[in-house]
Protein backbone atom coordinates (compact mmCIF):
# COMPACT_ATOMS: atom_id res chain seq x y z
CA MET A 1 30.33 -35.14 46.00
CA ILE A 2 31.81 -35.32 42.50
CA GLN A 3 29.37 -36.42 39.81
CA ASP A 4 30.49 -38.96 37.25
CA GLN A 5 30.67 -37.23 33.87
CA ALA A 6 31.23 -40.44 31.88
CA PRO A 7 28.49 -41.53 29.45
CA ARG A 8 26.18 -44.11 30.97
CA VAL A 9 24.94 -45.55 27.67
CA TRP A 10 26.64 -45.73 24.26
CA TYR A 11 24.61 -45.85 21.06
CA LEU A 12 26.00 -46.61 17.62
CA VAL A 13 24.26 -44.81 14.75
CA ARG A 14 24.76 -45.22 11.02
CA ASP A 15 24.50 -41.50 10.26
CA PHE A 16 26.27 -39.41 12.91
CA ASP A 17 24.58 -36.11 12.03
CA ARG A 18 21.10 -37.65 11.84
CA GLY A 19 21.64 -39.37 15.19
CA ARG A 20 22.84 -36.17 16.86
CA ASP A 21 19.85 -34.28 15.46
CA PHE A 22 17.39 -36.91 16.73
CA TYR A 23 18.69 -36.86 20.30
CA LYS A 24 19.05 -33.07 20.47
CA ARG A 25 15.94 -31.92 18.59
CA LEU A 26 13.43 -34.65 19.46
CA LEU A 27 14.59 -35.91 22.86
CA GLY A 28 15.96 -32.65 24.29
CA PHE A 29 19.55 -33.71 24.88
CA SER A 30 22.31 -31.09 25.07
CA GLU A 31 25.56 -31.88 23.34
CA THR A 32 28.54 -31.38 25.63
CA PHE A 33 31.38 -32.70 23.45
CA VAL A 34 31.99 -33.68 19.81
CA ASP A 35 34.99 -35.45 18.33
CA TRP A 36 34.63 -34.75 14.61
CA ASP A 37 37.64 -36.89 13.65
CA ASP A 38 36.41 -40.09 15.29
CA LYS A 39 32.71 -39.14 14.96
CA TRP A 40 31.44 -39.49 18.49
CA SER A 41 29.75 -37.10 20.91
CA LYS A 42 28.58 -36.80 24.51
CA LEU A 43 25.03 -35.69 25.22
CA GLU A 44 23.02 -35.20 28.39
CA ASN A 45 19.42 -34.77 29.45
CA GLY A 46 19.10 -34.18 33.18
CA PRO A 47 21.15 -36.85 34.95
CA MET A 48 21.21 -39.14 31.89
CA ARG A 49 24.44 -38.99 29.92
CA ILE A 50 24.85 -40.85 26.65
CA ALA A 51 27.41 -41.06 23.89
CA LEU A 52 26.77 -41.46 20.18
CA ALA A 53 29.30 -42.90 17.79
CA GLU A 54 29.09 -43.60 14.10
CA GLY A 55 28.98 -47.31 13.40
CA GLU A 56 26.71 -50.29 12.92
CA PRO A 57 24.08 -50.34 15.71
CA THR A 58 24.09 -53.24 18.14
CA LEU A 59 20.63 -53.40 19.66
CA SER A 60 21.71 -55.50 22.65
CA GLY A 61 23.38 -52.67 24.58
CA GLY A 62 22.16 -50.54 27.45
CA VAL A 63 19.05 -48.38 27.43
CA ALA A 64 18.98 -44.72 28.43
CA ALA A 65 16.14 -43.70 30.75
CA VAL A 66 15.08 -40.08 30.34
CA ASP A 67 12.80 -38.37 32.85
CA VAL A 68 9.95 -36.34 31.33
CA ASP A 69 7.08 -34.40 32.92
CA ASP A 70 4.35 -36.14 30.89
CA VAL A 71 5.08 -39.47 29.17
CA LYS A 72 1.77 -39.55 27.29
CA ALA A 73 2.27 -36.06 25.84
CA ALA A 74 5.92 -36.79 24.94
CA ALA A 75 4.92 -40.07 23.28
CA GLN A 76 2.24 -38.34 21.19
CA ARG A 77 4.59 -35.51 20.18
CA LEU A 78 7.18 -38.06 19.03
CA ARG A 79 4.57 -40.15 17.17
CA ASP A 80 3.43 -36.98 15.40
CA ALA A 81 7.07 -36.39 14.38
CA GLY A 82 7.22 -39.88 12.81
CA VAL A 83 9.22 -41.54 15.58
CA GLU A 84 8.61 -45.21 16.42
CA VAL A 85 7.02 -45.21 19.88
CA GLY A 86 5.89 -48.20 21.93
CA THR A 87 2.92 -48.55 24.27
CA VAL A 88 2.71 -46.31 27.34
CA LEU A 89 2.78 -48.46 30.50
CA ASP A 90 1.77 -47.59 34.06
CA LEU A 91 3.64 -49.59 36.69
CA ALA A 92 1.69 -49.92 39.94
CA GLY A 93 0.62 -46.27 39.78
CA GLN A 94 4.22 -45.27 40.60
CA VAL A 95 5.95 -44.91 37.23
CA ARG A 96 4.74 -44.36 33.69
CA LEU A 97 7.09 -45.29 30.85
CA VAL A 98 7.32 -45.75 27.12
CA ASP A 99 9.97 -47.07 24.75
CA VAL A 100 11.08 -44.79 21.92
CA PHE A 101 13.34 -45.89 19.06
CA ASP A 102 15.88 -43.74 17.25
CA PRO A 103 16.22 -43.98 13.43
CA ASP A 104 18.63 -46.91 13.85
CA GLY A 105 16.40 -48.88 16.23
CA ASN A 106 18.26 -48.00 19.45
CA ARG A 107 15.80 -48.00 22.37
CA VAL A 108 15.40 -45.08 24.79
CA GLN A 109 12.92 -45.22 27.67
CA LEU A 110 10.98 -42.12 28.69
CA THR A 111 9.92 -42.23 32.34
CA GLN A 112 7.60 -40.23 34.58
CA GLU A 113 7.24 -40.60 38.33
CA MET A 114 3.55 -40.69 39.25
CA GLY A 115 3.65 -40.32 43.01
């Protein structure tokens, strides 16, 4: 089976370098492609593939869901780094999740399977 390599979510960021740093350093994404002329890049974290492009953020787009081993620990680590982090939620004892916001207000959801 051939896996789709296309980005699943696009985020616009005002500062391309700051956005790339946030997703790579704080959320653990690996950068797989950069177009320096048009200022956009592809990044991936597990099965989640996103693209960043320089521009004015539109907060009504899709939301990337990133699997983590421990949502509570990841949320605290990000809070300690000064990242805006929402409230950790447990859904029916099956999934734990939290919303995290990049410097431009784009929402990313960290998820953890509980079962």
